[in-house]
Amino acid sequence: MIHQETTPITPDSDRDDGLETTSEMDGQSLVYQELPARLTNPVKLVALLRMQFGVGKYDVSMIGSVYSVGTPRKLSMEEISQCRGL
């Protein structure tokens, strides 16, 4: 069973613009964040996710021009900025 909660993120928070969603699947809770594809380097993103969480411990999908990234905890602004640029 999947449980989802969506919370709008305010511009003055430490998050990127977009929505933060939490999901629980198979006992593992993931926090989903949306990152604009035009500002995000997919190679840098995957490298960061593998280094921080390990293979298979995160989820990434592209919906339109937005990456939906699921991780065990929120990505910090520092981590998100490491994924910027092409």
PDB file of N, CA and C in Angstrom:
ATOM      1  N   MET A   1       0.831  -1.172   0.000  1.00  0.00           N
ATOM      2  CA  MET A   1       0.000   0.000   0.000  1.00  0.00           C
ATOM      3  C   MET A   1       0.881   1.242   0.000  1.00  0.00           C
ATOM      4  N   ILE A   2       0.518   2.234  -0.784  1.00  0.00           N
ATOM      5  CA  ILE A   2       1.286   3.471  -0.877  1.00  0.00           C
ATOM      6  C   ILE A   2       0.523   4.578  -0.163  1.00  0.00           C
ATOM      7  N   HIS A   3       1.226   5.284   0.711  1.00  0.00           N
ATOM      8  CA  HIS A   3       0.649   6.427   1.408  1.00  0.00           C
ATOM      9  C   HIS A   3       1.352   7.672   0.905  1.00  0.00           C
ATOM     10  N   GLN A   4       0.598   8.663   0.405  1.00  0.00           N
ATOM     11  CA  GLN A   4       1.213   9.889  -0.081  1.00  0.00           C
ATOM     12  C   GLN A   4       0.627  11.095   0.615  1.00  0.00           C
ATOM     13  N   GLU A   5       1.488  12.052   0.895  1.00  0.00           N
ATOM     14  CA  GLU A   5       1.125  13.325   1.498  1.00  0.00           C
ATOM     15  C   GLU A   5       1.813  14.396   0.680  1.00  0.00           C
ATOM     16  N   THR A   6       1.101  15.437   0.281  1.00  0.00           N
ATOM     17  CA  THR A   6       1.712  16.509  -0.492  1.00  0.00           C
ATOM     18  C   THR A   6       1.671  17.792   0.306  1.00  0.00           C
ATOM     19  N   THR A   7       2.808  18.471   0.357  1.00  0.00           N
ATOM     20  CA  THR A   7       2.926  19.721   1.094  1.00  0.00           C
ATOM     21  C   THR A   7       3.521  20.777   0.184  1.00  0.00           C
ATOM     22  N   PRO A   8       2.842  21.938   0.000  1.00  0.00           N
ATOM     23  CA  PRO A   8       3.454  22.988  -0.808  1.00  0.00           C
ATOM     24  C   PRO A   8       4.687  23.538  -0.104  1.00  0.00           C
ATOM     25  N   ILE A   9       5.669  23.917  -0.875  1.00  0.00           N
ATOM     26  CA  ILE A   9       6.904  24.452  -0.314  1.00  0.00           C
ATOM     27  C   ILE A   9       6.913  25.954  -0.532  1.00  0.00           C
ATOM     28  N   THR A  10       7.144  26.703   0.519  1.00  0.00           N
ATOM     29  CA  THR A  10       7.145  28.155   0.415  1.00  0.00           C
ATOM     30  C   THR A  10       8.486  28.645  -0.100  1.00  0.00           C
ATOM     31  N   PRO A  11       8.491  29.775  -0.841  1.00  0.00           N
ATOM     32  CA  PRO A  11       9.739  30.278  -1.415  1.00  0.00           C
ATOM     33  C   PRO A  11      10.814  30.595  -0.385  1.00  0.00           C
ATOM     34  N   ASP A  12      10.430  30.969   0.848  1.00  0.00           N
ATOM     35  CA  ASP A  12      11.443  31.314   1.837  1.00  0.00           C
ATOM     36  C   ASP A  12      11.935  30.101   2.614  1.00  0.00           C
ATOM     37  N   SER A  13      11.479  28.911   2.257  1.00  0.00           N
ATOM     38  CA  SER A  13      11.956  27.709   2.935  1.00  0.00           C
ATOM     39  C   SER A  13      13.310  27.308   2.371  1.00  0.00           C
ATOM     40  N   ASP A  14      13.912  26.267   2.945  1.00  0.00           N
ATOM     41  CA  ASP A  14      15.215  25.819   2.463  1.00  0.00           C
ATOM     42  C   ASP A  14      15.079  24.844   1.307  1.00  0.00           C
ATOM     43  N   ARG A  15      13.925  24.782   0.680  1.00  0.00           N
ATOM     44  CA  ARG A  15      13.659  23.871  -0.426  1.00  0.00           C
ATOM     45  C   ARG A  15      13.636  24.626  -1.736  1.00  0.00           C
ATOM     46  N   ASP A  16      13.740  23.901  -2.812  1.00  0.00           N
ATOM     47  CA  ASP A  16      13.584  24.437  -4.145  1.00  0.00           C
ATOM     48  C   ASP A  16      12.095  24.657  -4.379  1.00  0.00           C
ATOM     49  N   ASP A  17      11.728  25.474  -5.353  1.00  0.00           N
ATOM     50  CA  ASP A  17      10.316  25.664  -5.669  1.00  0.00           C
ATOM     51  C   ASP A  17       9.705  24.335  -6.094  1.00  0.00           C
ATOM     52  N   GLY A  18       8.432  24.138  -5.797  1.00  0.00           N
ATOM     53  CA  GLY A  18       7.767  22.908  -6.198  1.00  0.00           C
ATOM     54  C   GLY A  18       7.051  22.261  -5.040  1.00  0.00           C
ATOM     55  N   LEU A  19       6.791  20.979  -5.166  1.00  0.00           N
ATOM     56  CA  LEU A  19       6.086  20.230  -4.138  1.00  0.00           C
ATOM     57  C   LEU A  19       6.997  19.191  -3.531  1.00  0.00           C
ATOM     58  N   GLU A  20       6.733  18.909  -2.296  1.00  0.00           N
ATOM     59  CA  GLU A  20       7.434  17.834  -1.596  1.00  0.00           C
ATOM     60  C   GLU A  20       6.368  16.799  -1.266  1.00  0.00           C
ATOM     61  N   THR A  21       6.600  15.561  -1.631  1.00  0.00           N
ATOM     62  CA  THR A  21       5.640  14.491  -1.393  1.00  0.00           C
ATOM     63  C   THR A  21       6.343  13.367  -0.658  1.00  0.00           C
ATOM     64  N   THR A  22       5.670  12.794   0.330  1.00  0.00           N
ATOM     65  CA  THR A  22       6.246  11.630   0.991  1.00  0.00           C
ATOM     66  C   THR A  22       5.471  10.399   0.564  1.00  0.00           C
ATOM     67  N   SER A  23       6.168   9.302   0.404  1.00  0.00           N
ATOM     68  CA  SER A  23       5.573   8.047  -0.022  1.00  0.00           C
ATOM     69  C   SER A  23       6.149   6.920   0.803  1.00  0.00           C
ATOM     70  N   GLU A  24       5.326   5.961   1.130  1.00  0.00           N
ATOM     71  CA  GLU A  24       5.830   4.782   1.829  1.00  0.00           C
ATOM     72  C   GLU A  24       5.503   3.570   0.983  1.00  0.00           C
ATOM     73  N   MET A  25       6.548   2.835   0.613  1.00  0.00           N
ATOM     74  CA  MET A  25       6.371   1.642  -0.199  1.00  0.00           C
ATOM     75  C   MET A  25       7.290   0.560   0.351  1.00  0.00           C
ATOM     76  N   ASP A  26       6.749  -0.596   0.621  1.00  0.00           N
ATOM     77  CA  ASP A  26       7.526  -1.720   1.155  1.00  0.00           C
ATOM     78  C   ASP A  26       8.287  -1.343   2.419  1.00  0.00           C
ATOM     79  N   GLY A  27       7.672  -0.532   3.264  1.00  0.00           N
ATOM     80  CA  GLY A  27       8.282  -0.163   4.534  1.00  0.00           C
ATOM     81  C   GLY A  27       9.338   0.918   4.443  1.00  0.00           C
ATOM     82  N   GLN A  28       9.701   1.339   3.228  1.00  0.00           N
ATOM     83  CA  GLN A  28      10.707   2.388   3.070  1.00  0.00           C
ATOM     84  C   GLN A  28      10.008   3.694   2.716  1.00  0.00           C
ATOM     85  N   SER A  29      10.259   4.716   3.501  1.00  0.00           N
ATOM     86  CA  SER A  29       9.650   6.015   3.281  1.00  0.00           C
ATOM     87  C   SER A  29      10.557   6.870   2.406  1.00  0.00           C
ATOM     88  N   LEU A  30      10.009   7.414   1.324  1.00  0.00           N
ATOM     89  CA  LEU A  30      10.763   8.294   0.441  1.00  0.00           C
ATOM     90  C   LEU A  30      10.116   9.669   0.430  1.00  0.00           C
ATOM     91  N   VAL A  31      10.942  10.697   0.403  1.00  0.00           N
ATOM     92  CA  VAL A  31      10.483  12.075   0.265  1.00  0.00           C
ATOM     93  C   VAL A  31      10.699  12.455  -1.193  1.00  0.00           C
ATOM     94  N   TYR A  32       9.633  12.879  -1.873  1.00  0.00           N
ATOM     95  CA  TYR A  32       9.740  13.256  -3.281  1.00  0.00           C
ATOM     96  C   TYR A  32       9.843  14.766  -3.407  1.00  0.00           C
ATOM     97  N   GLN A  33      10.785  15.192  -4.226  1.00  0.00           N
ATOM     98  CA  GLN A  33      10.980  16.599  -4.521  1.00  0.00           C
ATOM     99  C   GLN A  33      10.998  16.770  -6.033  1.00  0.00           C
ATOM    100  N   GLU A  34      10.532  17.920  -6.497  1.00  0.00           N
ATOM    101  CA  GLU A  34      10.524  18.211  -7.921  1.00  0.00           C
ATOM    102  C   GLU A  34      11.657  19.172  -8.252  1.00  0.00           C
ATOM    103  N   LEU A  35      12.460  18.810  -9.262  1.00  0.00           N
ATOM    104  CA  LEU A  35      13.566  19.645  -9.720  1.00  0.00           C
ATOM    105  C   LEU A  35      13.358  19.956 -11.198  1.00  0.00           C
ATOM    106  N   PRO A  36      13.437  21.226 -11.595  1.00  0.00           N
ATOM    107  CA  PRO A  36      13.249  21.567 -13.011  1.00  0.00           C
ATOM    108  C   PRO A  36      14.349  20.957 -13.879  1.00  0.00           C
ATOM    109  N   ALA A  37      13.953  20.246 -14.920  1.00  0.00           N
ATOM    110  CA  ALA A  37      14.913  19.544 -15.781  1.00  0.00           C
ATOM    111  C   ALA A  37      15.854  20.516 -16.488  1.00  0.00           C
ATOM    112  N   ARG A  38      15.375  21.689 -16.847  1.00  0.00           N
ATOM    113  CA  ARG A  38      16.222  22.630 -17.589  1.00  0.00           C
ATOM    114  C   ARG A  38      17.382  23.147 -16.750  1.00  0.00           C
ATOM    115  N   LEU A  39      17.284  23.038 -15.417  1.00  0.00           N
ATOM    116  CA  LEU A  39      18.343  23.508 -14.524  1.00  0.00           C
ATOM    117  C   LEU A  39      19.150  22.370 -13.908  1.00  0.00           C
ATOM    118  N   THR A  40      18.749  21.126 -14.187  1.00  0.00           N
ATOM    119  CA  THR A  40      19.348  19.975 -13.508  1.00  0.00           C
ATOM    120  C   THR A  40      20.139  19.111 -14.481  1.00  0.00           C
ATOM    121  N   ASN A  41      21.371  18.806 -14.125  1.00  0.00           N
ATOM    122  CA  ASN A  41      22.212  17.919 -14.922  1.00  0.00           C
ATOM    123  C   ASN A  41      21.936  16.486 -14.455  1.00  0.00           C
ATOM    124  N   PRO A  42      21.357  15.636 -15.321  1.00  0.00           N
ATOM    125  CA  PRO A  42      20.982  14.287 -14.890  1.00  0.00           C
ATOM    126  C   PRO A  42      22.171  13.423 -14.458  1.00  0.00           C
ATOM    127  N   VAL A  43      23.334  13.615 -15.066  1.00  0.00           N
ATOM    128  CA  VAL A  43      24.523  12.839 -14.692  1.00  0.00           C
ATOM    129  C   VAL A  43      24.961  13.219 -13.276  1.00  0.00           C
ATOM    130  N   LYS A  44      24.991  14.517 -12.994  1.00  0.00           N
ATOM    131  CA  LYS A  44      25.357  14.983 -11.651  1.00  0.00           C
ATOM    132  C   LYS A  44      24.325  14.536 -10.617  1.00  0.00           C
ATOM    133  N   LEU A  45      23.042  14.563 -10.998  1.00  0.00           N
ATOM    134  CA  LEU A  45      21.973  14.156 -10.082  1.00  0.00           C
ATOM    135  C   LEU A  45      22.128  12.689  -9.687  1.00  0.00           C
ATOM    136  N   VAL A  46      22.285  11.813 -10.665  1.00  0.00           N
ATOM    137  CA  VAL A  46      22.413  10.379 -10.379  1.00  0.00           C
ATOM    138  C   VAL A  46      23.682  10.094  -9.582  1.00  0.00           C
ATOM    139  N   ALA A  47      24.777  10.772  -9.911  1.00  0.00           N
ATOM    140  CA  ALA A  47      26.029  10.580  -9.161  1.00  0.00           C
ATOM    141  C   ALA A  47      25.838  10.969  -7.697  1.00  0.00           C
ATOM    142  N   LEU A  48      25.177  12.090  -7.450  1.00  0.00           N
ATOM    143  CA  LEU A  48      24.926  12.531  -6.077  1.00  0.00           C
ATOM    144  C   LEU A  48      24.033  11.533  -5.341  1.00  0.00           C
ATOM    145  N   LEU A  49      22.964  11.074  -5.991  1.00  0.00           N
ATOM    146  CA  LEU A  49      22.036  10.141  -5.350  1.00  0.00           C
ATOM    147  C   LEU A  49      22.715   8.814  -5.020  1.00  0.00           C
ATOM    148  N   ARG A  50      23.527   8.308  -5.926  1.00  0.00           N
ATOM    149  CA  ARG A  50      24.252   7.050  -5.662  1.00  0.00           C
ATOM    150  C   ARG A  50      25.236   7.211  -4.513  1.00  0.00           C
ATOM    151  N   MET A  51      25.934   8.343  -4.485  1.00  0.00           N
ATOM    152  CA  MET A  51      26.923   8.578  -3.437  1.00  0.00           C
ATOM    153  C   MET A  51      26.244   8.754  -2.066  1.00  0.00           C
ATOM    154  N   GLN A  52      25.139   9.480  -2.030  1.00  0.00           N
ATOM    155  CA  GLN A  52      24.466   9.762  -0.761  1.00  0.00           C
ATOM    156  C   GLN A  52      23.635   8.589  -0.239  1.00  0.00           C
ATOM    157  N   PHE A  53      22.956   7.867  -1.149  1.00  0.00           N
ATOM    158  CA  PHE A  53      21.970   6.874  -0.713  1.00  0.00           C
ATOM    159  C   PHE A  53      22.255   5.444  -1.157  1.00  0.00           C
ATOM    160  N   GLY A  54      23.114   5.244  -2.146  1.00  0.00           N
ATOM    161  CA  GLY A  54      23.396   3.907  -2.644  1.00  0.00           C
ATOM    162  C   GLY A  54      22.448   3.505  -3.767  1.00  0.00           C
ATOM    163  N   VAL A  55      22.860   2.541  -4.542  1.00  0.00           N
ATOM    164  CA  VAL A  55      22.073   2.059  -5.676  1.00  0.00           C
ATOM    165  C   VAL A  55      20.770   1.443  -5.172  1.00  0.00           C
ATOM    166  N   GLY A  56      19.662   1.811  -5.805  1.00  0.00           N
ATOM    167  CA  GLY A  56      18.365   1.244  -5.458  1.00  0.00           C
ATOM    168  C   GLY A  56      17.689   1.855  -4.246  1.00  0.00           C
ATOM    169  N   LYS A  57      18.280   2.869  -3.641  1.00  0.00           N
ATOM    170  CA  LYS A  57      17.711   3.490  -2.437  1.00  0.00           C
ATOM    171  C   LYS A  57      17.039   4.824  -2.739  1.00  0.00           C
ATOM    172  N   TYR A  58      16.838   5.126  -4.019  1.00  0.00           N
ATOM    173  CA  TYR A  58      16.194   6.366  -4.435  1.00  0.00           C
ATOM    174  C   TYR A  58      15.374   6.088  -5.689  1.00  0.00           C
ATOM    175  N   ASP A  59      14.556   7.055  -6.077  1.00  0.00           N
ATOM    176  CA  ASP A  59      13.712   6.912  -7.256  1.00  0.00           C
ATOM    177  C   ASP A  59      13.761   8.221  -8.039  1.00  0.00           C
ATOM    178  N   VAL A  60      13.936   8.139  -9.353  1.00  0.00           N
ATOM    179  CA  VAL A  60      13.932   9.326 -10.207  1.00  0.00           C
ATOM    180  C   VAL A  60      13.053   9.044 -11.413  1.00  0.00           C
ATOM    181  N   SER A  61      12.159   9.974 -11.712  1.00  0.00           N
ATOM    182  CA  SER A  61      11.380   9.884 -12.941  1.00  0.00           C
ATOM    183  C   SER A  61      11.219  11.291 -13.493  1.00  0.00           C
ATOM    184  N   MET A  62      10.944  11.379 -14.780  1.00  0.00           N
ATOM    185  CA  MET A  62      10.742  12.677 -15.401  1.00  0.00           C
ATOM    186  C   MET A  62       9.288  12.787 -15.806  1.00  0.00           C
ATOM    187  N   ILE A  63       8.658  13.842 -15.335  1.00  0.00           N
ATOM    188  CA  ILE A  63       7.265  14.111 -15.674  1.00  0.00           C
ATOM    189  C   ILE A  63       7.257  15.478 -16.343  1.00  0.00           C
ATOM    190  N   GLY A  64       6.987  15.492 -17.646  1.00  0.00           N
ATOM    191  CA  GLY A  64       7.078  16.747 -18.392  1.00  0.00           C
ATOM    192  C   GLY A  64       8.513  17.225 -18.395  1.00  0.00           C
ATOM    193  N   SER A  65       8.730  18.417 -17.888  1.00  0.00           N
ATOM    194  CA  SER A  65      10.091  18.970 -17.829  1.00  0.00           C
ATOM    195  C   SER A  65      10.577  19.079 -16.387  1.00  0.00           C
ATOM    196  N   VAL A  66      10.132  18.125 -15.559  1.00  0.00           N
ATOM    197  CA  VAL A  66      10.482  18.136 -14.135  1.00  0.00           C
ATOM    198  C   VAL A  66      10.956  16.746 -13.721  1.00  0.00           C
ATOM    199  N   TYR A  67      12.075  16.698 -12.996  1.00  0.00           N
ATOM    200  CA  TYR A  67      12.518  15.444 -12.393  1.00  0.00           C
ATOM    201  C   TYR A  67      11.802  15.288 -11.057  1.00  0.00           C
ATOM    202  N   SER A  68      11.172  14.159 -10.848  1.00  0.00           N
ATOM    203  CA  SER A  68      10.583  13.813  -9.559  1.00  0.00           C
ATOM    204  C   SER A  68      11.581  12.878  -8.878  1.00  0.00           C
ATOM    205  N   VAL A  69      12.165  13.347  -7.774  1.00  0.00           N
ATOM    206  CA  VAL A  69      13.255  12.632  -7.108  1.00  0.00           C
ATOM    207  C   VAL A  69      12.788  12.170  -5.730  1.00  0.00           C
ATOM    208  N   GLY A  70      12.799  10.860  -5.499  1.00  0.00           N
ATOM    209  CA  GLY A  70      12.423  10.285  -4.207  1.00  0.00           C
ATOM    210  C   GLY A  70      13.654   9.789  -3.476  1.00  0.00           C
ATOM    211  N   THR A  71      13.855  10.284  -2.254  1.00  0.00           N
ATOM    212  CA  THR A  71      15.021   9.920  -1.446  1.00  0.00           C
ATOM    213  C   THR A  71      14.585   9.659  -0.005  1.00  0.00           C
ATOM    214  N   PRO A  72      15.401   8.963   0.777  1.00  0.00           N
ATOM    215  CA  PRO A  72      15.042   8.687   2.171  1.00  0.00           C
ATOM    216  C   PRO A  72      14.921   9.944   3.043  1.00  0.00           C
ATOM    217  N   ARG A  73      15.543  11.044   2.617  1.00  0.00           N
ATOM    218  CA  ARG A  73      15.426  12.321   3.334  1.00  0.00           C
ATOM    219  C   ARG A  73      15.422  13.438   2.298  1.00  0.00           C
ATOM    220  N   LYS A  74      15.044  14.626   2.727  1.00  0.00           N
ATOM    221  CA  LYS A  74      15.055  15.773   1.824  1.00  0.00           C
ATOM    222  C   LYS A  74      16.475  16.066   1.361  1.00  0.00           C
ATOM    223  N   LEU A  75      16.601  16.435   0.105  1.00  0.00           N
ATOM    224  CA  LEU A  75      17.884  16.923  -0.389  1.00  0.00           C
ATOM    225  C   LEU A  75      18.049  18.362   0.085  1.00  0.00           C
ATOM    226  N   SER A  76      19.244  18.704   0.510  1.00  0.00           N
ATOM    227  CA  SER A  76      19.515  20.077   0.950  1.00  0.00           C
ATOM    228  C   SER A  76      19.685  20.977  -0.275  1.00  0.00           C
ATOM    229  N   MET A  77      19.616  22.284  -0.050  1.00  0.00           N
ATOM    230  CA  MET A  77      19.853  23.233  -1.133  1.00  0.00           C
ATOM    231  C   MET A  77      21.269  23.061  -1.680  1.00  0.00           C
ATOM    232  N   GLU A  78      22.212  22.768  -0.806  1.00  0.00           N
ATOM    233  CA  GLU A  78      23.609  22.521  -1.217  1.00  0.00           C
ATOM    234  C   GLU A  78      23.670  21.331  -2.183  1.00  0.00           C
ATOM    235  N   GLU A  79      22.984  20.238  -1.842  1.00  0.00           N
ATOM    236  CA  GLU A  79      22.975  19.049  -2.705  1.00  0.00           C
ATOM    237  C   GLU A  79      22.292  19.349  -4.035  1.00  0.00           C
ATOM    238  N   ILE A  80      21.178  20.077  -3.975  1.00  0.00           N
ATOM    239  CA  ILE A  80      20.463  20.426  -5.204  1.00  0.00           C
ATOM    240  C   ILE A  80      21.341  21.295  -6.095  1.00  0.00           C
ATOM    241  N   SER A  81      22.053  22.265  -5.502  1.00  0.00           N
ATOM    242  CA  SER A  81      22.909  23.127  -6.325  1.00  0.00           C
ATOM    243  C   SER A  81      24.079  22.371  -6.943  1.00  0.00           C
ATOM    244  N   GLN A  82      24.510  21.278  -6.336  1.00  0.00           N
ATOM    245  CA  GLN A  82      25.576  20.456  -6.925  1.00  0.00           C
ATOM    246  C   GLN A  82      25.113  19.780  -8.216  1.00  0.00           C
ATOM    247  N   CYS A  83      23.801  19.683  -8.406  1.00  0.00           N
ATOM    248  CA  CYS A  83      23.235  19.024  -9.588  1.00  0.00           C
ATOM    249  C   CYS A  83      22.871  20.018 -10.688  1.00  0.00           C
ATOM    250  N   ARG A  84      23.119  21.282 -10.458  1.00  0.00           N
ATOM    251  CA  ARG A  84      22.775  22.315 -11.438  1.00  0.00           C
ATOM    252  C   ARG A  84      23.797  22.361 -12.564  1.00  0.00           C
ATOM    253  N   GLY A  85      23.365  22.884 -13.688  1.00  0.00           N
ATOM    254  CA  GLY A  85      24.277  23.107 -14.803  1.00  0.00           C
ATOM    255  C   GLY A  85      24.391  21.918 -15.725  1.00  0.00           C
ATOM    256  N   LEU A  86      24.678  22.220 -16.958  1.00  0.00           N
ATOM    257  CA  LEU A  86      24.795  21.167 -17.964  1.00  0.00           C
ATOM    258  C   LEU A  86      26.193  20.968 -18.357  1.00  0.00           C
TER     259      LEU A  86
END
